Amino acid sequence: MNKLTKVLPYAVALATPFFAFGQGTVFTIRERIQSLLNQIIPILLIIGTIVFLWGVITFLLAGANEEKRAEARSLMIYGLIGLFVMVAVWGIVNVLVGFFLPGGNTGIPTSPGDLRGI
């Protein structure tokens, strides 16, 4: 509790511009979050793809060295799991938004990072 009382004033001071900027409503805050996510999601997908491809390249160049092949195999698995999780969560969020928000009939997302329905 003592740490919370020390950190809380700073957190409120840092968050104040987000709430006071233009006296934004929930919808403008939602639009800002949507814009931020539309920029971040493709970057995360690119990073996941790069990790997977780096694992493939390392695996091919490892030759007979089993230790390097095991590290490369784990990189490929981590890259695939990361991509799968990002795409799955992105799809689930879009389905939930389309179902629960009024006027949010988004249907099937058209592309990664396309959160128009939020």
N, C-alpha and C. Protein backbone atom coordinates (compact mmCIF):
# COMPACT_ATOMS: atom_id res chain seq x y z
N MET A 1 0.82 -1.18 0.00
CA MET A 1 0.00 0.00 0.00
C MET A 1 0.87 1.25 0.00
N ASN A 2 2.01 1.18 0.66
CA ASN A 2 2.90 2.32 0.76
C ASN A 2 3.45 2.70 -0.62
N LYS A 3 3.78 1.68 -1.45
CA LYS A 3 4.29 1.95 -2.79
C LYS A 3 3.21 2.59 -3.65
N LEU A 4 1.97 2.15 -3.47
CA LEU A 4 0.87 2.70 -4.26
C LEU A 4 0.67 4.18 -3.96
N THR A 5 0.77 4.56 -2.70
CA THR A 5 0.59 5.97 -2.35
C THR A 5 1.73 6.84 -2.89
N LYS A 6 2.89 6.24 -3.11
CA LYS A 6 4.01 6.99 -3.68
C LYS A 6 3.87 7.12 -5.19
N VAL A 7 3.36 6.09 -5.85
CA VAL A 7 3.31 6.06 -7.30
C VAL A 7 2.04 6.72 -7.84
N LEU A 8 0.95 6.65 -7.12
CA LEU A 8 -0.34 7.13 -7.61
C LEU A 8 -0.34 8.59 -8.05
N PRO A 9 0.24 9.52 -7.29
CA PRO A 9 0.23 10.91 -7.78
C PRO A 9 0.96 11.09 -9.11
N TYR A 10 2.05 10.37 -9.30
CA TYR A 10 2.78 10.47 -10.56
C TYR A 10 1.98 9.87 -11.71
N ALA A 11 1.32 8.75 -11.46
CA ALA A 11 0.51 8.13 -12.49
C ALA A 11 -0.65 9.03 -12.90
N VAL A 12 -1.29 9.67 -11.93
CA VAL A 12 -2.39 10.58 -12.24
C VAL A 12 -1.88 11.79 -13.02
N ALA A 13 -0.73 12.30 -12.62
CA ALA A 13 -0.16 13.45 -13.31
C ALA A 13 0.21 13.11 -14.75
N LEU A 14 0.71 11.89 -14.98
CA LEU A 14 1.06 11.48 -16.33
C LEU A 14 -0.18 11.20 -17.18
N ALA A 15 -1.25 10.73 -16.56
CA ALA A 15 -2.46 10.38 -17.30
C ALA A 15 -3.37 11.57 -17.53
N THR A 16 -3.18 12.66 -16.83
CA THR A 16 -4.07 13.81 -16.94
C THR A 16 -4.17 14.36 -18.36
N PRO A 17 -3.08 14.51 -19.11
CA PRO A 17 -3.23 15.04 -20.47
C PRO A 17 -4.12 14.18 -21.36
N PHE A 18 -4.13 12.87 -21.14
CA PHE A 18 -4.97 12.01 -21.97
C PHE A 18 -6.45 12.30 -21.75
N PHE A 19 -6.81 12.66 -20.52
CA PHE A 19 -8.21 12.91 -20.22
C PHE A 19 -8.59 14.38 -20.45
N ALA A 20 -7.63 15.27 -20.33
CA ALA A 20 -7.93 16.69 -20.45
C ALA A 20 -7.74 17.22 -21.87
N PHE A 21 -7.03 16.51 -22.70
CA PHE A 21 -6.74 16.98 -24.04
C PHE A 21 -8.02 17.06 -24.87
N GLY A 22 -8.49 18.27 -25.10
CA GLY A 22 -9.68 18.48 -25.91
C GLY A 22 -10.95 18.00 -25.23
N GLN A 23 -10.92 17.75 -23.96
CA GLN A 23 -12.05 17.23 -23.21
C GLN A 23 -12.68 16.08 -23.98
N GLY A 24 -11.86 15.09 -24.31
CA GLY A 24 -12.29 13.98 -25.14
C GLY A 24 -13.36 13.13 -24.48
N THR A 25 -14.23 12.64 -25.31
CA THR A 25 -15.25 11.72 -24.84
C THR A 25 -14.71 10.31 -24.94
N VAL A 26 -15.54 9.37 -24.57
CA VAL A 26 -15.13 7.97 -24.65
C VAL A 26 -14.84 7.60 -26.09
N PHE A 27 -15.60 8.15 -27.02
CA PHE A 27 -15.41 7.79 -28.41
C PHE A 27 -14.10 8.35 -28.97
N THR A 28 -13.69 9.55 -28.57
CA THR A 28 -12.42 10.07 -29.07
C THR A 28 -11.25 9.32 -28.45
N ILE A 29 -11.39 8.93 -27.20
CA ILE A 29 -10.34 8.12 -26.58
C ILE A 29 -10.27 6.77 -27.28
N ARG A 30 -11.44 6.21 -27.60
CA ARG A 30 -11.49 4.94 -28.32
C ARG A 30 -10.84 5.08 -29.69
N GLU A 31 -11.08 6.20 -30.37
CA GLU A 31 -10.48 6.42 -31.69
C GLU A 31 -8.96 6.56 -31.58
N ARG A 32 -8.48 7.18 -30.54
CA ARG A 32 -7.02 7.29 -30.35
C ARG A 32 -6.40 5.93 -30.11
N ILE A 33 -7.06 5.11 -29.28
CA ILE A 33 -6.56 3.77 -29.03
C ILE A 33 -6.60 2.95 -30.31
N GLN A 34 -7.68 3.10 -31.08
CA GLN A 34 -7.80 2.40 -32.35
C GLN A 34 -6.67 2.79 -33.29
N SER A 35 -6.37 4.07 -33.37
CA SER A 35 -5.30 4.55 -34.24
C SER A 35 -3.96 3.98 -33.80
N LEU A 36 -3.71 3.97 -32.50
CA LEU A 36 -2.46 3.42 -31.98
C LEU A 36 -2.34 1.93 -32.30
N LEU A 37 -3.42 1.18 -32.09
CA LEU A 37 -3.39 -0.25 -32.38
C LEU A 37 -3.22 -0.53 -33.86
N ASN A 38 -3.82 0.30 -34.71
CA ASN A 38 -3.66 0.11 -36.15
C ASN A 38 -2.23 0.32 -36.59
N GLN A 39 -1.44 1.06 -35.82
CA GLN A 39 -0.04 1.26 -36.14
C GLN A 39 0.84 0.19 -35.52
N ILE A 40 0.46 -0.32 -34.36
CA ILE A 40 1.29 -1.29 -33.63
C ILE A 40 1.14 -2.71 -34.16
N ILE A 41 -0.07 -3.13 -34.51
CA ILE A 41 -0.32 -4.52 -34.89
C ILE A 41 0.52 -4.95 -36.09
N PRO A 42 0.59 -4.19 -37.18
CA PRO A 42 1.45 -4.63 -38.28
C PRO A 42 2.93 -4.73 -37.90
N ILE A 43 3.38 -3.85 -37.03
CA ILE A 43 4.77 -3.91 -36.59
C ILE A 43 5.03 -5.20 -35.81
N LEU A 44 4.10 -5.58 -34.93
CA LEU A 44 4.25 -6.82 -34.18
C LEU A 44 4.23 -8.04 -35.09
N LEU A 45 3.38 -8.02 -36.11
CA LEU A 45 3.34 -9.13 -37.05
C LEU A 45 4.64 -9.22 -37.85
N ILE A 46 5.21 -8.08 -38.21
CA ILE A 46 6.49 -8.09 -38.92
C ILE A 46 7.59 -8.64 -38.03
N ILE A 47 7.60 -8.24 -36.76
CA ILE A 47 8.62 -8.75 -35.83
C ILE A 47 8.50 -10.26 -35.67
N GLY A 48 7.27 -10.77 -35.54
CA GLY A 48 7.06 -12.22 -35.43
C GLY A 48 7.55 -12.96 -36.67
N THR A 49 7.29 -12.37 -37.83
CA THR A 49 7.74 -12.99 -39.08
C THR A 49 9.26 -12.99 -39.17
N ILE A 50 9.88 -11.89 -38.76
CA ILE A 50 11.34 -11.82 -38.79
C ILE A 50 11.96 -12.85 -37.85
N VAL A 51 11.37 -13.03 -36.67
CA VAL A 51 11.90 -14.03 -35.72
C VAL A 51 11.80 -15.42 -36.34
N PHE A 52 10.67 -15.73 -36.96
CA PHE A 52 10.51 -17.04 -37.60
C PHE A 52 11.53 -17.23 -38.72
N LEU A 53 11.66 -16.23 -39.60
CA LEU A 53 12.59 -16.36 -40.71
C LEU A 53 14.04 -16.42 -40.25
N TRP A 54 14.37 -15.69 -39.19
CA TRP A 54 15.72 -15.77 -38.64
C TRP A 54 16.01 -17.19 -38.12
N GLY A 55 15.00 -17.80 -37.53
CA GLY A 55 15.15 -19.18 -37.08
C GLY A 55 15.36 -20.13 -38.24
N VAL A 56 14.63 -19.92 -39.34
CA VAL A 56 14.79 -20.78 -40.52
C VAL A 56 16.19 -20.62 -41.11
N ILE A 57 16.64 -19.39 -41.24
CA ILE A 57 17.97 -19.14 -41.81
C ILE A 57 19.05 -19.75 -40.91
N THR A 58 18.92 -19.55 -39.61
CA THR A 58 19.90 -20.11 -38.67
C THR A 58 19.88 -21.63 -38.72
N PHE A 59 18.71 -22.21 -38.86
CA PHE A 59 18.58 -23.67 -38.93
C PHE A 59 19.29 -24.19 -40.19
N LEU A 60 19.10 -23.51 -41.30
CA LEU A 60 19.72 -23.97 -42.54
C LEU A 60 21.24 -23.80 -42.52
N LEU A 61 21.71 -22.75 -41.86
CA LEU A 61 23.15 -22.50 -41.82
C LEU A 61 23.87 -23.26 -40.70
N ALA A 62 23.12 -23.89 -39.80
CA ALA A 62 23.73 -24.57 -38.66
C ALA A 62 24.48 -25.83 -39.08
N GLY A 63 24.07 -26.43 -40.17
CA GLY A 63 24.75 -27.64 -40.62
C GLY A 63 24.51 -28.79 -39.66
N ALA A 64 25.59 -29.42 -39.22
CA ALA A 64 25.48 -30.58 -38.34
C ALA A 64 25.55 -30.22 -36.87
N ASN A 65 25.71 -28.96 -36.53
CA ASN A 65 25.81 -28.52 -35.14
C ASN A 65 24.42 -28.60 -34.50
N GLU A 66 24.23 -29.60 -33.66
CA GLU A 66 22.91 -29.85 -33.06
C GLU A 66 22.49 -28.75 -32.09
N GLU A 67 23.45 -28.14 -31.42
CA GLU A 67 23.12 -27.08 -30.45
C GLU A 67 22.53 -25.86 -31.17
N LYS A 68 23.17 -25.47 -32.28
CA LYS A 68 22.64 -24.33 -33.05
C LYS A 68 21.31 -24.67 -33.70
N ARG A 69 21.17 -25.92 -34.14
CA ARG A 69 19.90 -26.33 -34.75
C ARG A 69 18.77 -26.31 -33.72
N ALA A 70 19.07 -26.68 -32.48
CA ALA A 70 18.04 -26.65 -31.44
C ALA A 70 17.63 -25.21 -31.12
N GLU A 71 18.61 -24.31 -31.06
CA GLU A 71 18.29 -22.89 -30.83
C GLU A 71 17.45 -22.33 -31.99
N ALA A 72 17.82 -22.68 -33.21
CA ALA A 72 17.08 -22.20 -34.38
C ALA A 72 15.67 -22.77 -34.39
N ARG A 73 15.54 -24.03 -34.02
CA ARG A 73 14.21 -24.65 -33.97
C ARG A 73 13.34 -23.95 -32.94
N SER A 74 13.91 -23.58 -31.80
CA SER A 74 13.12 -22.87 -30.79
C SER A 74 12.73 -21.48 -31.28
N LEU A 75 13.61 -20.81 -32.03
CA LEU A 75 13.25 -19.51 -32.61
C LEU A 75 12.09 -19.65 -33.59
N MET A 76 12.12 -20.69 -34.42
CA MET A 76 11.02 -20.90 -35.36
C MET A 76 9.71 -21.15 -34.62
N ILE A 77 9.78 -21.95 -33.57
CA ILE A 77 8.56 -22.26 -32.80
C ILE A 77 8.04 -21.00 -32.10
N TYR A 78 8.94 -20.22 -31.50
CA TYR A 78 8.51 -18.98 -30.84
C TYR A 78 7.89 -18.00 -31.84
N GLY A 79 8.48 -17.91 -33.02
CA GLY A 79 7.94 -17.03 -34.05
C GLY A 79 6.55 -17.46 -34.48
N LEU A 80 6.37 -18.76 -34.69
CA LEU A 80 5.06 -19.27 -35.10
C LEU A 80 4.01 -19.09 -34.01
N ILE A 81 4.40 -19.37 -32.78
CA ILE A 81 3.46 -19.20 -31.66
C ILE A 81 3.09 -17.73 -31.52
N GLY A 82 4.07 -16.84 -31.63
CA GLY A 82 3.79 -15.41 -31.54
C GLY A 82 2.85 -14.94 -32.63
N LEU A 83 3.09 -15.38 -33.86
CA LEU A 83 2.20 -15.01 -34.96
C LEU A 83 0.80 -15.55 -34.74
N PHE A 84 0.71 -16.81 -34.31
CA PHE A 84 -0.60 -17.41 -34.08
C PHE A 84 -1.36 -16.67 -33.00
N VAL A 85 -0.69 -16.36 -31.91
CA VAL A 85 -1.36 -15.66 -30.80
C VAL A 85 -1.81 -14.27 -31.24
N MET A 86 -0.96 -13.54 -31.95
CA MET A 86 -1.33 -12.19 -32.38
C MET A 86 -2.53 -12.21 -33.32
N VAL A 87 -2.53 -13.11 -34.29
CA VAL A 87 -3.64 -13.18 -35.23
C VAL A 87 -4.91 -13.66 -34.53
N ALA A 88 -4.79 -14.63 -33.63
CA ALA A 88 -5.97 -15.14 -32.92
C ALA A 88 -6.59 -14.06 -32.03
N VAL A 89 -5.77 -13.35 -31.28
CA VAL A 89 -6.29 -12.30 -30.40
C VAL A 89 -6.89 -11.18 -31.22
N TRP A 90 -6.24 -10.82 -32.34
CA TRP A 90 -6.76 -9.78 -33.21
C TRP A 90 -8.15 -10.17 -33.74
N GLY A 91 -8.30 -11.42 -34.16
CA GLY A 91 -9.59 -11.88 -34.66
C GLY A 91 -10.65 -11.92 -33.57
N ILE A 92 -10.29 -12.41 -32.39
CA ILE A 92 -11.25 -12.49 -31.28
C ILE A 92 -11.71 -11.10 -30.88
N VAL A 93 -10.79 -10.14 -30.80
CA VAL A 93 -11.16 -8.77 -30.44
C VAL A 93 -12.12 -8.19 -31.47
N ASN A 94 -11.84 -8.40 -32.75
CA ASN A 94 -12.72 -7.88 -33.79
C ASN A 94 -14.10 -8.52 -33.73
N VAL A 95 -14.18 -9.80 -33.46
CA VAL A 95 -15.48 -10.47 -33.35
C VAL A 95 -16.24 -9.93 -32.15
N LEU A 96 -15.56 -9.77 -31.01
CA LEU A 96 -16.23 -9.25 -29.82
C LEU A 96 -16.70 -7.82 -30.02
N VAL A 97 -15.88 -7.00 -30.65
CA VAL A 97 -16.26 -5.62 -30.92
C VAL A 97 -17.47 -5.58 -31.84
N GLY A 98 -17.45 -6.39 -32.87
CA GLY A 98 -18.57 -6.42 -33.80
C GLY A 98 -19.84 -6.94 -33.16
N PHE A 99 -19.71 -7.76 -32.15
CA PHE A 99 -20.89 -8.33 -31.51
C PHE A 99 -21.46 -7.43 -30.43
N PHE A 100 -20.58 -6.81 -29.62
CA PHE A 100 -21.05 -6.08 -28.44
C PHE A 100 -21.23 -4.58 -28.64
N LEU A 101 -20.45 -3.95 -29.48
CA LEU A 101 -20.57 -2.50 -29.63
C LEU A 101 -21.66 -2.15 -30.62
N PRO A 102 -22.43 -1.12 -30.31
CA PRO A 102 -23.48 -0.72 -31.25
C PRO A 102 -22.89 -0.19 -32.56
N GLY A 103 -23.42 -0.65 -33.66
CA GLY A 103 -22.92 -0.22 -34.96
C GLY A 103 -21.57 -0.81 -35.29
N GLY A 104 -21.16 -1.83 -34.56
CA GLY A 104 -19.84 -2.42 -34.78
C GLY A 104 -19.89 -3.68 -35.60
N ASN A 105 -20.74 -3.74 -36.57
CA ASN A 105 -20.85 -4.92 -37.41
C ASN A 105 -19.64 -5.00 -38.33
N THR A 106 -18.54 -5.50 -37.79
CA THR A 106 -17.31 -5.52 -38.56
C THR A 106 -17.22 -6.76 -39.43
N GLY A 107 -17.89 -7.83 -39.07
CA GLY A 107 -17.78 -9.06 -39.84
C GLY A 107 -16.38 -9.61 -39.72
N ILE A 108 -15.89 -10.16 -40.82
CA ILE A 108 -14.54 -10.71 -40.84
C ILE A 108 -13.57 -9.56 -41.10
N PRO A 109 -12.49 -9.45 -40.31
CA PRO A 109 -11.51 -8.38 -40.52
C PRO A 109 -10.90 -8.47 -41.91
N THR A 110 -10.70 -7.32 -42.53
CA THR A 110 -10.19 -7.31 -43.90
C THR A 110 -8.69 -7.47 -43.98
N SER A 111 -7.96 -7.00 -42.97
CA SER A 111 -6.50 -7.13 -43.00
C SER A 111 -5.98 -7.00 -41.58
N PRO A 112 -4.76 -7.52 -41.32
CA PRO A 112 -4.18 -7.36 -39.99
C PRO A 112 -4.01 -5.88 -39.66
N GLY A 113 -4.41 -5.51 -38.47
CA GLY A 113 -4.27 -4.13 -38.05
C GLY A 113 -5.45 -3.28 -38.47
N ASP A 114 -6.51 -3.87 -39.00
CA ASP A 114 -7.66 -3.11 -39.45
C ASP A 114 -8.74 -3.19 -38.38
N LEU A 115 -8.74 -2.23 -37.48
CA LEU A 115 -9.68 -2.22 -36.37
C LEU A 115 -10.71 -1.13 -36.55
N ARG A 116 -11.26 -0.99 -37.74
CA ARG A 116 -12.23 0.07 -38.00
C ARG A 116 -13.46 -0.05 -37.14
N GLY A 117 -13.82 -1.25 -36.75
CA GLY A 117 -15.06 -1.43 -36.01
C GLY A 117 -14.96 -1.06 -34.55
N ILE A 118 -13.77 -0.84 -34.04
CA ILE A 118 -13.64 -0.52 -32.61
C ILE A 118 -14.03 0.90 -32.38
